[in-house]
């Protein structure tokens, strides 16, 4: 575990192509037409509010139909965060609720072979300008998430780049290194999840179960813009499973910013923490794409 590369932390700094930004493709016959049930309506984008995040999460999954792959994205905890991260909340509350339906949980940390230690060290150093903006516990919480999955009977794994992958990132120019890291993450996520879904389809025990991926709210974008399409595993993976794919982003309200990156997200102008922060808020940003905003830890009076 100590050799893993903190790939998850890279993704959040480029939150410009989250599934919250755009609608997902509607061509797949597996796309669900079901509306979001339960809760209290709260406005645009099928907004609904629930007493608990678990209820909101389960309603999103139900509205997505019967996915075989679930791409869960998060806005990572920033440096100095004083409230629990999305990863911690997912591990403690949401994962136990869906564990019986999962076969595997793939977490977005890269575990290279032991033979490429030098390349791993160089990649870590190059990524420091990005990873230093995020809470130091980010990677540890992903490791704990994998341990929690195993306790619940779900098989956890990390991304498995080759030494050639790490060497390519190490020798990329400074301007290209982050881009290549993000591209590699997306490719590995898609390839590993596709293999797991194919295996499930041939297994009497796991047929119909869900392969879940957990990482930054960037790689699970079902309709990414051309400039970042190479970072997302979602379109190709969704096609691989016949459209039976759902994307759910998890957002801690205390982490929501006011800058242009946040403002371009489709749900951002419709969320008012002062008015809505006491409950879990669910938006549908595409036929198979959802955003769950947790209740604020200390909601405004």
C-alpha atoms as a PDB file:
ATOM      1  CA  UNK A   1       0.000   0.000   0.000  1.00  0.00           C
ATOM      2  CA  UNK A   2       2.842   2.433   0.723  1.00  0.00           C
ATOM      3  CA  UNK A   3       3.881   2.514  -2.926  1.00  0.00           C
ATOM      4  CA  UNK A   4       0.549   3.669  -4.270  1.00  0.00           C
ATOM      5  CA  UNK A   5       0.480   6.902  -6.256  1.00  0.00           C
ATOM      6  CA  UNK A   6      -2.042   9.485  -5.162  1.00  0.00           C
ATOM      7  CA  UNK A   7      -3.828   9.598  -8.505  1.00  0.00           C
ATOM      8  CA  UNK A   8      -7.175  10.444  -6.945  1.00  0.00           C
ATOM      9  CA  UNK A   9      -5.938  13.794  -5.721  1.00  0.00           C
ATOM     10  CA  UNK A  10      -4.855  14.868  -9.200  1.00  0.00           C
ATOM     11  CA  UNK A  11      -8.317  14.705 -10.661  1.00  0.00           C
ATOM     12  CA  UNK A  12     -10.184  17.113  -8.416  1.00  0.00           C
ATOM     13  CA  UNK A  13      -8.150  20.149  -9.373  1.00  0.00           C
ATOM     14  CA  UNK A  14      -9.592  19.835 -12.880  1.00  0.00           C
ATOM     15  CA  UNK A  15     -13.254  19.552 -11.938  1.00  0.00           C
ATOM     16  CA  UNK A  16     -14.234  21.149 -15.218  1.00  0.00           C
ATOM     17  CA  UNK A  17     -15.703  18.047 -16.840  1.00  0.00           C
ATOM     18  CA  UNK A  18     -17.686  16.403 -14.086  1.00  0.00           C
ATOM     19  CA  UNK A  19     -20.912  14.647 -15.086  1.00  0.00           C
ATOM     20  CA  UNK A  20     -22.553  17.552 -13.298  1.00  0.00           C
ATOM     21  CA  UNK A  21     -21.584  19.801 -16.210  1.00  0.00           C
ATOM     22  CA  UNK A  22     -23.456  18.149 -19.040  1.00  0.00           C
ATOM     23  CA  UNK A  23     -26.163  15.680 -19.888  1.00  0.00           C
ATOM     24  CA  UNK A  24     -25.249  12.087 -20.638  1.00  0.00           C
ATOM     25  CA  UNK A  25     -25.907  10.539 -24.044  1.00  0.00           C
ATOM     26  CA  UNK A  26     -29.452   9.300 -24.507  1.00  0.00           C
ATOM     27  CA  UNK A  27     -28.946   6.832 -27.325  1.00  0.00           C
ATOM     28  CA  UNK A  28     -28.476   3.710 -25.231  1.00  0.00           C
ATOM     29  CA  UNK A  29     -31.445   1.396 -24.966  1.00  0.00           C
ATOM     30  CA  UNK A  30     -30.424   0.671 -21.376  1.00  0.00           C
ATOM     31  CA  UNK A  31     -30.865   4.270 -20.264  1.00  0.00           C
ATOM     32  CA  UNK A  32     -33.503   4.474 -17.546  1.00  0.00           C
ATOM     33  CA  UNK A  33     -36.602   6.620 -17.985  1.00  0.00           C
ATOM     34  CA  UNK A  34     -37.513   6.302 -14.314  1.00  0.00           C
ATOM     35  CA  UNK A  35     -37.931   9.524 -12.383  1.00  0.00           C
ATOM     36  CA  UNK A  36     -36.326  10.095  -9.015  1.00  0.00           C
ATOM     37  CA  UNK A  37     -38.693   8.892  -6.308  1.00  0.00           C
ATOM     38  CA  UNK A  38     -39.240   9.916  -2.713  1.00  0.00           C
ATOM     39  CA  UNK A  39     -37.989  12.993  -0.963  1.00  0.00           C
ATOM     40  CA  UNK A  40     -39.271  16.534  -1.388  1.00  0.00           C
ATOM     41  CA  UNK A  41     -39.026  18.352  -4.745  1.00  0.00           C
ATOM     42  CA  UNK A  42     -36.660  21.320  -4.610  1.00  0.00           C
ATOM     43  CA  UNK A  43     -36.455  22.735  -8.126  1.00  0.00           C
ATOM     44  CA  UNK A  44     -34.616  22.254 -11.406  1.00  0.00           C
ATOM     45  CA  UNK A  45     -32.753  19.146 -12.558  1.00  0.00           C
ATOM     46  CA  UNK A  46     -35.258  16.877 -10.797  1.00  0.00           C
ATOM     47  CA  UNK A  47     -33.925  18.249  -7.521  1.00  0.00           C
ATOM     48  CA  UNK A  48     -35.165  16.337  -4.485  1.00  0.00           C
ATOM     49  CA  UNK A  49     -34.209  16.494  -0.827  1.00  0.00           C
ATOM     50  CA  UNK A  50     -34.004  13.603   1.620  1.00  0.00           C
ATOM     51  CA  UNK A  51     -33.523  13.210   5.341  1.00  0.00           C
ATOM     52  CA  UNK A  52     -30.400  11.089   4.847  1.00  0.00           C
ATOM     53  CA  UNK A  53     -27.665  10.779   2.187  1.00  0.00           C
ATOM     54  CA  UNK A  54     -28.260   7.021   2.130  1.00  0.00           C
ATOM     55  CA  UNK A  55     -31.857   7.487   1.010  1.00  0.00           C
ATOM     56  CA  UNK A  56     -30.792   9.966  -1.672  1.00  0.00           C
ATOM     57  CA  UNK A  57     -28.047   7.656  -2.936  1.00  0.00           C
ATOM     58  CA  UNK A  58     -30.338   4.643  -3.136  1.00  0.00           C
ATOM     59  CA  UNK A  59     -32.986   6.670  -4.986  1.00  0.00           C
ATOM     60  CA  UNK A  60     -30.393   7.775  -7.544  1.00  0.00           C
ATOM     61  CA  UNK A  61     -29.322   4.183  -8.063  1.00  0.00           C
ATOM     62  CA  UNK A  62     -32.951   3.119  -8.471  1.00  0.00           C
ATOM     63  CA  UNK A  63     -33.602   5.885 -11.011  1.00  0.00           C
ATOM     64  CA  UNK A  64     -30.588   4.677 -13.005  1.00  0.00           C
ATOM     65  CA  UNK A  65     -32.287   1.347 -13.616  1.00  0.00           C
ATOM     66  CA  UNK A  66     -30.085  -1.698 -13.204  1.00  0.00           C
ATOM     67  CA  UNK A  67     -26.495  -0.619 -13.880  1.00  0.00           C
ATOM     68  CA  UNK A  68     -23.693  -3.132 -14.127  1.00  0.00           C
ATOM     69  CA  UNK A  69     -21.054  -0.445 -13.558  1.00  0.00           C
ATOM     70  CA  UNK A  70     -21.323   2.473 -11.149  1.00  0.00           C
ATOM     71  CA  UNK A  71     -18.870   5.356 -11.481  1.00  0.00           C
ATOM     72  CA  UNK A  72     -18.749   7.296  -8.216  1.00  0.00           C
ATOM     73  CA  UNK A  73     -16.951  10.629  -8.311  1.00  0.00           C
ATOM     74  CA  UNK A  74     -16.113  13.058  -5.545  1.00  0.00           C
ATOM     75  CA  UNK A  75     -14.891  16.581  -5.011  1.00  0.00           C
ATOM     76  CA  UNK A  76     -11.791  15.851  -2.934  1.00  0.00           C
ATOM     77  CA  UNK A  77     -11.287  17.331   0.504  1.00  0.00           C
ATOM     78  CA  UNK A  78      -9.165  20.499   0.263  1.00  0.00           C
ATOM     79  CA  UNK A  79      -6.140  21.183   2.395  1.00  0.00           C
ATOM     80  CA  UNK A  80      -7.221  22.169   5.898  1.00  0.00           C
ATOM     81  CA  UNK A  81     -10.696  20.598   5.642  1.00  0.00           C
ATOM     82  CA  UNK A  82     -12.392  20.316   9.048  1.00  0.00           C
ATOM     83  CA  UNK A  83     -15.425  18.203   8.085  1.00  0.00           C
ATOM     84  CA  UNK A  84     -15.503  14.555   6.965  1.00  0.00           C
ATOM     85  CA  UNK A  85     -14.628  13.928   3.333  1.00  0.00           C
ATOM     86  CA  UNK A  86     -16.929  12.353   0.770  1.00  0.00           C
ATOM     87  CA  UNK A  87     -14.740   9.224   0.783  1.00  0.00           C
ATOM     88  CA  UNK A  88     -15.145   8.815   4.521  1.00  0.00           C
ATOM     89  CA  UNK A  89     -18.904   9.332   4.339  1.00  0.00           C
ATOM     90  CA  UNK A  90     -19.186   6.881   1.474  1.00  0.00           C
ATOM     91  CA  UNK A  91     -17.207   4.248   3.372  1.00  0.00           C
ATOM     92  CA  UNK A  92     -19.120   4.642   6.620  1.00  0.00           C
ATOM     93  CA  UNK A  93     -22.681   5.096   5.350  1.00  0.00           C
ATOM     94  CA  UNK A  94     -23.273   4.544   1.639  1.00  0.00           C
ATOM     95  CA  UNK A  95     -21.028   1.571   0.882  1.00  0.00           C
ATOM     96  CA  UNK A  96     -22.674  -0.667   3.528  1.00  0.00           C
ATOM     97  CA  UNK A  97     -26.060   0.093   1.971  1.00  0.00           C
ATOM     98  CA  UNK A  98     -25.062  -1.183  -1.482  1.00  0.00           C
ATOM     99  CA  UNK A  99     -22.380  -3.753  -0.615  1.00  0.00           C
ATOM    100  CA  UNK A 100     -24.662  -6.773  -1.194  1.00  0.00           C
ATOM    101  CA  UNK A 101     -25.200  -5.537  -4.762  1.00  0.00           C
ATOM    102  CA  UNK A 102     -21.497  -5.091  -5.564  1.00  0.00           C
ATOM    103  CA  UNK A 103     -18.945  -7.616  -6.736  1.00  0.00           C
ATOM    104  CA  UNK A 104     -15.937  -5.277  -6.761  1.00  0.00           C
ATOM    105  CA  UNK A 105     -14.832  -1.785  -5.757  1.00  0.00           C
ATOM    106  CA  UNK A 106     -12.027  -0.253  -7.796  1.00  0.00           C
ATOM    107  CA  UNK A 107     -10.473   2.735  -6.020  1.00  0.00           C
ATOM    108  CA  UNK A 108      -8.551   5.370  -7.926  1.00  0.00           C
ATOM    109  CA  UNK A 109      -5.086   4.852  -6.506  1.00  0.00           C
ATOM    110  CA  UNK A 110      -2.302   3.562  -8.723  1.00  0.00           C
ATOM    111  CA  UNK A 111      -0.327   0.561  -7.476  1.00  0.00           C
ATOM    112  CA  UNK A 112       2.627   0.111  -9.859  1.00  0.00           C
ATOM    113  CA  UNK A 113       4.816  -3.006  -9.869  1.00  0.00           C
ATOM    114  CA  UNK A 114       7.689  -3.011  -7.409  1.00  0.00           C
ATOM    115  CA  UNK A 115      10.219  -2.835 -10.239  1.00  0.00           C
ATOM    116  CA  UNK A 116       9.585   0.840 -11.082  1.00  0.00           C
ATOM    117  CA  UNK A 117      10.313   2.558  -7.775  1.00  0.00           C
ATOM    118  CA  UNK A 118      12.338   5.393  -9.308  1.00  0.00           C
ATOM    119  CA  UNK A 119       9.597   6.305 -11.780  1.00  0.00           C
ATOM    120  CA  UNK A 120       6.976   6.276  -9.019  1.00  0.00           C
ATOM    121  CA  UNK A 121       9.079   8.619  -6.883  1.00  0.00           C
ATOM    122  CA  UNK A 122       9.548  11.024  -9.789  1.00  0.00           C
ATOM    123  CA  UNK A 123       5.835  11.026 -10.601  1.00  0.00           C
ATOM    124  CA  UNK A 124       5.022  11.785  -6.976  1.00  0.00           C
ATOM    125  CA  UNK A 125       7.393  14.743  -6.971  1.00  0.00           C
ATOM    126  CA  UNK A 126       5.971  16.080 -10.218  1.00  0.00           C
ATOM    127  CA  UNK A 127       2.410  15.846  -8.896  1.00  0.00           C
ATOM    128  CA  UNK A 128       3.155  17.687  -5.652  1.00  0.00           C
ATOM    129  CA  UNK A 129       1.984  21.116  -6.946  1.00  0.00           C
ATOM    130  CA  UNK A 130      -1.464  19.539  -7.423  1.00  0.00           C
ATOM    131  CA  UNK A 131      -1.665  17.060  -4.553  1.00  0.00           C
ATOM    132  CA  UNK A 132      -0.482  19.660  -2.044  1.00  0.00           C
ATOM    133  CA  UNK A 133      -3.785  21.484  -2.497  1.00  0.00           C
ATOM    134  CA  UNK A 134      -5.724  18.559  -1.069  1.00  0.00           C
ATOM    135  CA  UNK A 135      -6.072  17.102   2.399  1.00  0.00           C
ATOM    136  CA  UNK A 136      -3.111  14.946   3.390  1.00  0.00           C
ATOM    137  CA  UNK A 137      -5.518  12.165   4.370  1.00  0.00           C
ATOM    138  CA  UNK A 138      -6.990  11.758   0.857  1.00  0.00           C
ATOM    139  CA  UNK A 139      -4.931   8.731  -0.168  1.00  0.00           C
ATOM    140  CA  UNK A 140      -5.181   7.099   3.269  1.00  0.00           C
ATOM    141  CA  UNK A 141      -8.964   7.355   3.141  1.00  0.00           C
ATOM    142  CA  UNK A 142      -8.996   5.578  -0.210  1.00  0.00           C
ATOM    143  CA  UNK A 143      -6.945   2.757   1.307  1.00  0.00           C
ATOM    144  CA  UNK A 144      -9.362   2.559   4.237  1.00  0.00           C
ATOM    145  CA  UNK A 145     -12.258   2.528   1.780  1.00  0.00           C
ATOM    146  CA  UNK A 146     -10.779  -0.589   0.193  1.00  0.00           C
ATOM    147  CA  UNK A 147     -10.397  -2.207   3.606  1.00  0.00           C
ATOM    148  CA  UNK A 148     -14.021  -1.393   4.445  1.00  0.00           C
ATOM    149  CA  UNK A 149     -15.157  -2.966   1.181  1.00  0.00           C
ATOM    150  CA  UNK A 150     -13.322  -6.182   2.008  1.00  0.00           C
ATOM    151  CA  UNK A 151     -14.961  -6.291   5.440  1.00  0.00           C
ATOM    152  CA  UNK A 152     -18.341  -6.058   3.712  1.00  0.00           C
ATOM    153  CA  UNK A 153     -17.597  -8.890   1.300  1.00  0.00           C
ATOM    154  CA  UNK A 154     -16.775  -6.691  -1.705  1.00  0.00           C
ATOM    155  CA  UNK A 155     -13.495  -7.319  -3.523  1.00  0.00           C
ATOM    156  CA  UNK A 156     -11.368  -4.132  -3.516  1.00  0.00           C
ATOM    157  CA  UNK A 157      -8.594  -3.277  -5.920  1.00  0.00           C
ATOM    158  CA  UNK A 158      -6.487  -0.356  -7.093  1.00  0.00           C
ATOM    159  CA  UNK A 159      -5.350   0.662 -10.545  1.00  0.00           C
ATOM    160  CA  UNK A 160      -2.501  -1.470 -11.871  1.00  0.00           C
ATOM    161  CA  UNK A 161      -0.261   0.551 -14.182  1.00  0.00           C
ATOM    162  CA  UNK A 162       2.760  -1.087 -15.739  1.00  0.00           C
ATOM    163  CA  UNK A 163       6.295   0.203 -15.301  1.00  0.00           C
ATOM    164  CA  UNK A 164       6.006   1.403 -18.908  1.00  0.00           C
ATOM    165  CA  UNK A 165       3.020   3.527 -17.884  1.00  0.00           C
ATOM    166  CA  UNK A 166       4.979   5.066 -15.020  1.00  0.00           C
ATOM    167  CA  UNK A 167       8.073   5.589 -17.200  1.00  0.00           C
ATOM    168  CA  UNK A 168       5.979   7.402 -19.802  1.00  0.00           C
ATOM    169  CA  UNK A 169       4.598   9.751 -17.158  1.00  0.00           C
ATOM    170  CA  UNK A 170       8.033  10.237 -15.618  1.00  0.00           C
ATOM    171  CA  UNK A 171       9.594  11.228 -18.938  1.00  0.00           C
ATOM    172  CA  UNK A 172       6.753  13.453 -20.128  1.00  0.00           C
ATOM    173  CA  UNK A 173       7.405  17.176 -20.239  1.00  0.00           C
ATOM    174  CA  UNK A 174       6.338  19.234 -17.249  1.00  0.00           C
ATOM    175  CA  UNK A 175       3.416  20.611 -19.237  1.00  0.00           C
ATOM    176  CA  UNK A 176       2.261  17.147 -20.333  1.00  0.00           C
ATOM    177  CA  UNK A 177       2.769  15.123 -17.151  1.00  0.00           C
ATOM    178  CA  UNK A 178      -0.546  15.874 -15.442  1.00  0.00           C
ATOM    179  CA  UNK A 179      -2.444  15.361 -18.698  1.00  0.00           C
ATOM    180  CA  UNK A 180      -0.770  12.000 -19.242  1.00  0.00           C
ATOM    181  CA  UNK A 181      -1.438  11.009 -15.617  1.00  0.00           C
ATOM    182  CA  UNK A 182      -5.134  11.783 -16.012  1.00  0.00           C
ATOM    183  CA  UNK A 183      -5.276   9.950 -19.339  1.00  0.00           C
ATOM    184  CA  UNK A 184      -3.588   6.905 -17.808  1.00  0.00           C
ATOM    185  CA  UNK A 185      -6.007   6.896 -14.881  1.00  0.00           C
ATOM    186  CA  UNK A 186      -8.991   6.977 -17.214  1.00  0.00           C
ATOM    187  CA  UNK A 187      -7.614   4.204 -19.404  1.00  0.00           C
ATOM    188  CA  UNK A 188      -6.776   1.944 -16.463  1.00  0.00           C
ATOM    189  CA  UNK A 189     -10.148   2.520 -14.807  1.00  0.00           C
ATOM    190  CA  UNK A 190     -12.002   1.610 -17.966  1.00  0.00           C
ATOM    191  CA  UNK A 191      -9.894  -1.428 -18.829  1.00  0.00           C
ATOM    192  CA  UNK A 192      -9.941  -2.934 -15.343  1.00  0.00           C
ATOM    193  CA  UNK A 193     -13.650  -2.314 -14.807  1.00  0.00           C
ATOM    194  CA  UNK A 194     -14.494  -3.815 -18.213  1.00  0.00           C
ATOM    195  CA  UNK A 195     -12.601  -6.979 -17.327  1.00  0.00           C
ATOM    196  CA  UNK A 196     -14.441  -7.230 -14.007  1.00  0.00           C
ATOM    197  CA  UNK A 197     -17.834  -6.695 -15.657  1.00  0.00           C
ATOM    198  CA  UNK A 198     -17.034  -9.367 -18.261  1.00  0.00           C
ATOM    199  CA  UNK A 199     -16.045 -11.780 -15.513  1.00  0.00           C
ATOM    200  CA  UNK A 200     -19.273 -11.065 -13.608  1.00  0.00           C
ATOM    201  CA  UNK A 201     -21.322 -11.825 -16.718  1.00  0.00           C
ATOM    202  CA  UNK A 202     -19.837 -15.338 -16.830  1.00  0.00           C
ATOM    203  CA  UNK A 203     -20.213 -16.010 -13.095  1.00  0.00           C
ATOM    204  CA  UNK A 204     -23.283 -17.605 -11.577  1.00  0.00           C
ATOM    205  CA  UNK A 205     -22.440 -15.973  -8.250  1.00  0.00           C
ATOM    206  CA  UNK A 206     -21.834 -12.433  -9.546  1.00  0.00           C
ATOM    207  CA  UNK A 207     -24.009 -12.182 -12.660  1.00  0.00           C
ATOM    208  CA  UNK A 208     -26.016  -8.954 -12.436  1.00  0.00           C
ATOM    209  CA  UNK A 209     -23.865  -7.511  -9.676  1.00  0.00           C
ATOM    210  CA  UNK A 210     -22.323  -4.050  -9.939  1.00  0.00           C
ATOM    211  CA  UNK A 211     -18.683  -3.150 -10.446  1.00  0.00           C
ATOM    212  CA  UNK A 212     -18.165   0.165  -8.634  1.00  0.00           C
ATOM    213  CA  UNK A 213     -15.365   2.651  -9.243  1.00  0.00           C
ATOM    214  CA  UNK A 214     -14.537   5.386  -6.734  1.00  0.00           C
ATOM    215  CA  UNK A 215     -12.410   8.398  -7.579  1.00  0.00           C
ATOM    216  CA  UNK A 216     -12.380  12.031  -8.604  1.00  0.00           C
ATOM    217  CA  UNK A 217     -15.412  13.642 -10.212  1.00  0.00           C
ATOM    218  CA  UNK A 218     -13.689  13.888 -13.555  1.00  0.00           C
ATOM    219  CA  UNK A 219     -13.097  10.404 -14.885  1.00  0.00           C
ATOM    220  CA  UNK A 220     -16.746   9.269 -14.675  1.00  0.00           C
ATOM    221  CA  UNK A 221     -18.060  11.955 -17.059  1.00  0.00           C
ATOM    222  CA  UNK A 222     -20.507  10.355 -19.478  1.00  0.00           C
ATOM    223  CA  UNK A 223     -20.415  13.315 -21.856  1.00  0.00           C
ATOM    224  CA  UNK A 224     -16.988  14.938 -21.549  1.00  0.00           C
ATOM    225  CA  UNK A 225     -15.976  17.911 -23.683  1.00  0.00           C
ATOM    226  CA  UNK A 226     -13.497  17.143 -26.468  1.00  0.00           C
ATOM    227  CA  UNK A 227     -10.561  18.713 -24.636  1.00  0.00           C
ATOM    228  CA  UNK A 228     -10.848  16.295 -21.709  1.00  0.00           C
ATOM    229  CA  UNK A 229     -12.551  13.269 -23.285  1.00  0.00           C
ATOM    230  CA  UNK A 230      -9.341  11.232 -23.010  1.00  0.00           C
ATOM    231  CA  UNK A 231      -9.522  11.500 -19.193  1.00  0.00           C
ATOM    232  CA  UNK A 232     -12.933   9.856 -18.853  1.00  0.00           C
ATOM    233  CA  UNK A 233     -13.507   6.128 -18.795  1.00  0.00           C
ATOM    234  CA  UNK A 234     -17.290   6.520 -18.762  1.00  0.00           C
ATOM    235  CA  UNK A 235     -18.424   6.712 -22.437  1.00  0.00           C
ATOM    236  CA  UNK A 236     -16.421   3.693 -23.593  1.00  0.00           C
ATOM    237  CA  UNK A 237     -17.208   1.680 -20.474  1.00  0.00           C
ATOM    238  CA  UNK A 238     -20.910   2.510 -20.725  1.00  0.00           C
ATOM    239  CA  UNK A 239     -20.913   1.261 -24.319  1.00  0.00           C
ATOM    240  CA  UNK A 240     -19.078  -1.896 -23.240  1.00  0.00           C
ATOM    241  CA  UNK A 241     -21.890  -2.802 -20.814  1.00  0.00           C
ATOM    242  CA  UNK A 242     -24.683  -1.879 -23.191  1.00  0.00           C
ATOM    243  CA  UNK A 243     -25.469   1.416 -21.501  1.00  0.00           C
ATOM    244  CA  UNK A 244     -25.933  -0.156 -18.074  1.00  0.00           C
ATOM    245  CA  UNK A 245     -23.741   2.465 -16.420  1.00  0.00           C
ATOM    246  CA  UNK A 246     -24.548   5.164 -13.874  1.00  0.00           C
ATOM    247  CA  UNK A 247     -22.484   8.105 -12.595  1.00  0.00           C
ATOM    248  CA  UNK A 248     -23.065   9.570  -9.148  1.00  0.00           C
ATOM    249  CA  UNK A 249     -21.007  12.474  -7.841  1.00  0.00           C
ATOM    250  CA  UNK A 250     -20.676  13.078  -4.099  1.00  0.00           C
ATOM    251  CA  UNK A 251     -20.208  16.663  -2.896  1.00  0.00           C
ATOM    252  CA  UNK A 252     -19.511  17.963   0.603  1.00  0.00           C
ATOM    253  CA  UNK A 253     -21.198  21.392   0.773  1.00  0.00           C
ATOM    254  CA  UNK A 254     -18.369  22.934   2.789  1.00  0.00           C
ATOM    255  CA  UNK A 255     -16.031  22.165  -0.135  1.00  0.00           C
ATOM    256  CA  UNK A 256     -18.141  23.974  -2.755  1.00  0.00           C
ATOM    257  CA  UNK A 257     -16.343  27.028  -4.102  1.00  0.00           C
ATOM    258  CA  UNK A 258     -17.438  30.283  -5.667  1.00  0.00           C
ATOM    259  CA  UNK A 259     -15.012  30.386  -8.586  1.00  0.00           C
ATOM    260  CA  UNK A 260     -15.671  29.855 -12.273  1.00  0.00           C
ATOM    261  CA  UNK A 261     -14.822  26.142 -12.133  1.00  0.00           C
ATOM    262  CA  UNK A 262     -17.701  25.499  -9.756  1.00  0.00           C
ATOM    263  CA  UNK A 263     -20.024  28.035 -11.371  1.00  0.00           C
ATOM    264  CA  UNK A 264     -20.009  26.170 -14.682  1.00  0.00           C
ATOM    265  CA  UNK A 265     -21.518  23.040 -13.090  1.00  0.00           C
ATOM    266  CA  UNK A 266     -25.155  22.601 -14.042  1.00  0.00           C
ATOM    267  CA  UNK A 267     -26.417  22.180 -10.481  1.00  0.00           C
ATOM    268  CA  UNK A 268     -24.348  24.977  -8.910  1.00  0.00           C
ATOM    269  CA  UNK A 269     -26.793  27.882  -9.476  1.00  0.00           C
ATOM    270  CA  UNK A 270     -29.650  25.780  -8.108  1.00  0.00           C
ATOM    271  CA  UNK A 271     -28.048  24.860  -4.788  1.00  0.00           C
ATOM    272  CA  UNK A 272     -28.469  27.258  -1.865  1.00  0.00           C
ATOM    273  CA  UNK A 273     -26.676  25.974   1.211  1.00  0.00           C
ATOM    274  CA  UNK A 274     -28.490  28.399   3.499  1.00  0.00           C
ATOM    275  CA  UNK A 275     -31.865  27.121   2.355  1.00  0.00           C
ATOM    276  CA  UNK A 276     -31.035  23.514   1.480  1.00  0.00           C
ATOM    277  CA  UNK A 277     -28.099  22.591   3.683  1.00  0.00           C
ATOM    278  CA  UNK A 278     -30.040  20.767   6.376  1.00  0.00           C
ATOM    279  CA  UNK A 279     -30.910  17.826   4.129  1.00  0.00           C
ATOM    280  CA  UNK A 280     -29.283  15.657   1.486  1.00  0.00           C
ATOM    281  CA  UNK A 281     -29.873  17.140  -1.966  1.00  0.00           C
ATOM    282  CA  UNK A 282     -30.020  15.099  -5.160  1.00  0.00           C
ATOM    283  CA  UNK A 283     -29.826  16.497  -8.690  1.00  0.00           C
ATOM    284  CA  UNK A 284     -30.153  14.603 -11.958  1.00  0.00           C
ATOM    285  CA  UNK A 285     -27.759  16.124 -14.468  1.00  0.00           C
ATOM    286  CA  UNK A 286     -28.284  13.559 -17.230  1.00  0.00           C
ATOM    287  CA  UNK A 287     -30.321  10.407 -17.848  1.00  0.00           C
ATOM    288  CA  UNK A 288     -27.721   8.312 -16.006  1.00  0.00           C
ATOM    289  CA  UNK A 289     -25.851  11.064 -14.107  1.00  0.00           C
ATOM    290  CA  UNK A 290     -26.580  12.338 -10.600  1.00  0.00           C
ATOM    291  CA  UNK A 291     -25.086  14.680  -8.003  1.00  0.00           C
ATOM    292  CA  UNK A 292     -25.629  14.065  -4.290  1.00  0.00           C
ATOM    293  CA  UNK A 293     -24.795  16.952  -1.960  1.00  0.00           C
ATOM    294  CA  UNK A 294     -24.460  15.898   1.660  1.00  0.00           C
ATOM    295  CA  UNK A 295     -26.173  17.832   4.445  1.00  0.00           C
ATOM    296  CA  UNK A 296     -23.922  20.541   5.833  1.00  0.00           C
ATOM    297  CA  UNK A 297     -22.091  19.509   8.997  1.00  0.00           C
ATOM    298  CA  UNK A 298     -23.135  22.797  10.572  1.00  0.00           C
ATOM    299  CA  UNK A 299     -26.091  24.074   8.560  1.00  0.00           C
ATOM    300  CA  UNK A 300     -26.785  27.801   8.741  1.00  0.00           C
ATOM    301  CA  UNK A 301     -29.513  28.699  11.281  1.00  0.00           C
END
